[in-house]
């Protein structure tokens, strides 16, 4: 492998590094995005659990959870 890399010139190495960097970025982005979604779902579930523990009704929980959500741009 190092023998192959030693034979490459700078002009040949730049596209390879660019492509590998792009793939690495996409992988990290996908992991971070899914991790964020999982954490939001986990926090949301914990809030619902706490509200149920406080004896709140389903309508109150829906109103509380819904008030923190961003409104859809189409409704604005």
N, C-alpha and C. Protein backbone atom coordinates (compact mmCIF):
# COMPACT_ATOMS: atom_id res chain seq x y z
N UNK A 1 0.82 -1.19 0.00
CA UNK A 1 0.00 0.00 0.00
C UNK A 1 0.87 1.25 0.00
N UNK A 2 1.88 1.28 0.84
CA UNK A 2 2.75 2.46 0.86
C UNK A 2 3.51 2.59 -0.45
N UNK A 3 3.80 1.46 -1.09
CA UNK A 3 4.48 1.51 -2.38
C UNK A 3 3.59 2.20 -3.43
N UNK A 4 2.30 1.91 -3.38
CA UNK A 4 1.35 2.54 -4.29
C UNK A 4 1.27 4.05 -4.03
N UNK A 5 1.21 4.43 -2.75
CA UNK A 5 1.12 5.85 -2.40
C UNK A 5 2.40 6.60 -2.75
N UNK A 6 3.54 5.94 -2.66
CA UNK A 6 4.81 6.59 -2.99
C UNK A 6 4.91 6.90 -4.48
N UNK A 7 4.25 6.11 -5.31
CA UNK A 7 4.31 6.31 -6.77
C UNK A 7 3.41 7.45 -7.23
N UNK A 8 2.46 7.86 -6.40
CA UNK A 8 1.53 8.91 -6.79
C UNK A 8 2.18 10.29 -6.68
N UNK A 9 1.84 11.15 -7.62
CA UNK A 9 2.30 12.54 -7.55
C UNK A 9 1.23 13.37 -6.84
N UNK A 10 1.53 14.62 -6.58
CA UNK A 10 0.58 15.49 -5.90
C UNK A 10 -0.69 15.67 -6.68
N UNK A 11 -0.58 15.76 -8.01
CA UNK A 11 -1.77 15.94 -8.84
C UNK A 11 -2.68 14.72 -8.81
N UNK A 12 -2.12 13.56 -8.62
CA UNK A 12 -2.93 12.33 -8.55
C UNK A 12 -3.48 12.11 -7.15
N UNK A 13 -2.79 12.62 -6.17
CA UNK A 13 -3.18 12.38 -4.78
C UNK A 13 -4.33 13.29 -4.33
N UNK A 14 -4.41 14.48 -4.88
CA UNK A 14 -5.43 15.45 -4.47
C UNK A 14 -6.85 14.92 -4.70
N UNK A 15 -7.20 14.38 -5.87
CA UNK A 15 -8.57 13.85 -6.04
C UNK A 15 -8.87 12.68 -5.11
N UNK A 16 -7.88 11.84 -4.85
CA UNK A 16 -8.10 10.71 -3.95
C UNK A 16 -8.41 11.21 -2.55
N UNK A 17 -7.64 12.16 -2.08
CA UNK A 17 -7.87 12.72 -0.74
C UNK A 17 -9.22 13.44 -0.70
N UNK A 18 -9.58 14.14 -1.76
CA UNK A 18 -10.86 14.84 -1.80
C UNK A 18 -12.03 13.86 -1.73
N UNK A 19 -11.95 12.79 -2.47
CA UNK A 19 -13.03 11.79 -2.47
C UNK A 19 -13.12 11.10 -1.11
N UNK A 20 -11.99 10.72 -0.55
CA UNK A 20 -12.00 10.07 0.77
C UNK A 20 -12.51 11.03 1.85
N UNK A 21 -12.14 12.29 1.75
CA UNK A 21 -12.62 13.29 2.72
C UNK A 21 -14.13 13.47 2.61
N UNK A 22 -14.64 13.46 1.40
CA UNK A 22 -16.08 13.59 1.20
C UNK A 22 -16.82 12.41 1.81
N UNK A 23 -16.33 11.20 1.56
CA UNK A 23 -16.97 10.02 2.14
C UNK A 23 -16.89 10.05 3.67
N UNK A 24 -15.77 10.46 4.21
CA UNK A 24 -15.62 10.55 5.66
C UNK A 24 -16.60 11.58 6.23
N UNK A 25 -16.72 12.72 5.57
CA UNK A 25 -17.67 13.74 6.02
C UNK A 25 -19.10 13.20 6.02
N UNK A 26 -19.49 12.51 4.95
CA UNK A 26 -20.84 11.98 4.86
C UNK A 26 -21.12 10.94 5.94
N UNK A 27 -20.14 10.12 6.25
CA UNK A 27 -20.30 9.12 7.30
C UNK A 27 -20.46 9.78 8.65
N UNK A 28 -19.61 10.76 8.95
CA UNK A 28 -19.69 11.47 10.22
C UNK A 28 -21.01 12.23 10.33
N UNK A 29 -21.44 12.85 9.23
CA UNK A 29 -22.71 13.58 9.22
C UNK A 29 -23.89 12.63 9.50
N UNK A 30 -23.89 11.48 8.88
CA UNK A 30 -24.97 10.51 9.08
C UNK A 30 -25.01 10.03 10.53
N UNK A 31 -23.85 9.75 11.09
CA UNK A 31 -23.78 9.29 12.48
C UNK A 31 -24.27 10.40 13.42
N UNK A 32 -23.78 11.61 13.22
CA UNK A 32 -24.16 12.72 14.10
C UNK A 32 -25.65 13.03 13.99
N UNK A 33 -26.18 12.99 12.78
CA UNK A 33 -27.60 13.27 12.58
C UNK A 33 -28.48 12.24 13.28
N UNK A 34 -28.14 10.98 13.13
CA UNK A 34 -28.93 9.93 13.77
C UNK A 34 -28.77 9.95 15.29
N UNK A 35 -27.57 10.26 15.76
CA UNK A 35 -27.33 10.36 17.19
C UNK A 35 -28.19 11.47 17.78
N UNK A 36 -28.26 12.62 17.07
CA UNK A 36 -29.07 13.75 17.53
C UNK A 36 -30.53 13.36 17.60
N UNK A 37 -31.04 12.68 16.57
CA UNK A 37 -32.44 12.26 16.57
C UNK A 37 -32.73 11.31 17.75
N UNK A 38 -31.79 10.41 18.02
CA UNK A 38 -31.97 9.47 19.12
C UNK A 38 -31.99 10.19 20.46
N UNK A 39 -31.10 11.17 20.63
CA UNK A 39 -31.05 11.93 21.88
C UNK A 39 -32.33 12.76 22.06
N UNK A 40 -32.83 13.36 20.99
CA UNK A 40 -34.07 14.14 21.09
C UNK A 40 -35.23 13.22 21.50
N UNK A 41 -35.30 12.05 20.90
CA UNK A 41 -36.36 11.10 21.25
C UNK A 41 -36.22 10.65 22.70
N UNK A 42 -34.99 10.45 23.16
CA UNK A 42 -34.75 10.03 24.54
C UNK A 42 -35.17 11.13 25.53
N UNK A 43 -34.83 12.38 25.22
CA UNK A 43 -35.20 13.50 26.08
C UNK A 43 -36.72 13.68 26.09
N UNK A 44 -37.33 13.55 24.92
CA UNK A 44 -38.78 13.67 24.80
C UNK A 44 -39.48 12.59 25.63
N UNK A 45 -38.98 11.37 25.55
CA UNK A 45 -39.57 10.27 26.32
C UNK A 45 -39.41 10.51 27.82
N UNK A 46 -38.26 11.03 28.24
CA UNK A 46 -38.04 11.30 29.67
C UNK A 46 -38.99 12.40 30.15
N UNK A 47 -39.21 13.41 29.33
CA UNK A 47 -40.14 14.48 29.70
C UNK A 47 -41.56 13.92 29.84
N UNK A 48 -41.96 13.09 28.88
CA UNK A 48 -43.30 12.49 28.95
C UNK A 48 -43.44 11.62 30.21
N UNK A 49 -42.38 10.86 30.51
CA UNK A 49 -42.39 10.01 31.70
C UNK A 49 -42.55 10.86 32.97
N UNK A 50 -41.83 11.99 33.02
CA UNK A 50 -41.93 12.88 34.19
C UNK A 50 -43.32 13.49 34.29
N UNK A 51 -43.88 13.90 33.16
CA UNK A 51 -45.22 14.49 33.17
C UNK A 51 -46.27 13.48 33.60
N UNK A 52 -46.13 12.24 33.15
CA UNK A 52 -47.05 11.18 33.58
C UNK A 52 -46.90 10.94 35.08
N UNK A 53 -45.65 10.98 35.56
CA UNK A 53 -45.40 10.81 36.99
C UNK A 53 -46.01 11.93 37.82
N UNK A 54 -46.16 13.10 37.25
CA UNK A 54 -46.78 14.23 37.94
C UNK A 54 -48.30 14.15 37.91
N UNK A 55 -48.83 13.20 37.15
CA UNK A 55 -50.27 13.01 37.08
C UNK A 55 -50.95 13.90 36.04
N UNK A 56 -50.22 14.35 35.06
CA UNK A 56 -50.80 15.20 34.01
C UNK A 56 -51.67 14.37 33.08
N UNK A 57 -52.67 15.02 32.50
CA UNK A 57 -53.54 14.32 31.56
C UNK A 57 -52.87 14.26 30.19
N UNK A 58 -53.43 13.43 29.32
CA UNK A 58 -52.87 13.28 27.97
C UNK A 58 -52.95 14.58 27.20
N UNK A 59 -54.04 15.32 27.38
CA UNK A 59 -54.18 16.60 26.70
C UNK A 59 -53.13 17.61 27.16
N UNK A 60 -52.87 17.64 28.46
CA UNK A 60 -51.84 18.54 28.98
C UNK A 60 -50.46 18.17 28.45
N UNK A 61 -50.16 16.89 28.42
CA UNK A 61 -48.87 16.43 27.92
C UNK A 61 -48.72 16.79 26.45
N UNK A 62 -49.78 16.58 25.67
CA UNK A 62 -49.75 16.93 24.25
C UNK A 62 -49.53 18.43 24.06
N UNK A 63 -50.19 19.24 24.87
CA UNK A 63 -50.05 20.69 24.77
C UNK A 63 -48.63 21.12 25.15
N UNK A 64 -48.09 20.54 26.22
CA UNK A 64 -46.74 20.89 26.68
C UNK A 64 -45.70 20.47 25.66
N UNK A 65 -45.80 19.25 25.17
CA UNK A 65 -44.84 18.75 24.19
C UNK A 65 -44.96 19.54 22.89
N UNK A 66 -46.18 19.81 22.46
CA UNK A 66 -46.41 20.53 21.21
C UNK A 66 -45.97 21.98 21.27
N UNK A 67 -45.98 22.59 22.45
CA UNK A 67 -45.60 24.00 22.55
C UNK A 67 -44.11 24.20 22.32
N UNK A 68 -43.31 23.18 22.54
CA UNK A 68 -41.87 23.30 22.35
C UNK A 68 -41.40 22.98 20.95
N UNK A 69 -42.29 22.46 20.12
CA UNK A 69 -41.92 22.09 18.75
C UNK A 69 -41.92 23.32 17.86
N UNK A 70 -41.04 23.33 16.87
CA UNK A 70 -41.01 24.41 15.89
C UNK A 70 -42.22 24.26 14.97
N UNK A 71 -42.78 25.39 14.59
CA UNK A 71 -43.90 25.36 13.66
C UNK A 71 -43.39 25.11 12.25
N UNK A 72 -44.20 24.43 11.48
CA UNK A 72 -43.86 24.14 10.09
C UNK A 72 -43.86 25.45 9.30
N UNK A 73 -42.90 25.62 8.41
CA UNK A 73 -42.78 26.85 7.62
C UNK A 73 -44.02 27.07 6.74
N UNK A 74 -44.69 26.02 6.36
CA UNK A 74 -45.86 26.14 5.51
C UNK A 74 -47.03 26.79 6.25
N UNK A 75 -47.07 26.63 7.57
CA UNK A 75 -48.16 27.20 8.35
C UNK A 75 -47.92 28.65 8.72
N UNK A 76 -46.72 29.15 8.55
CA UNK A 76 -46.42 30.53 8.91
C UNK A 76 -46.89 31.51 7.88
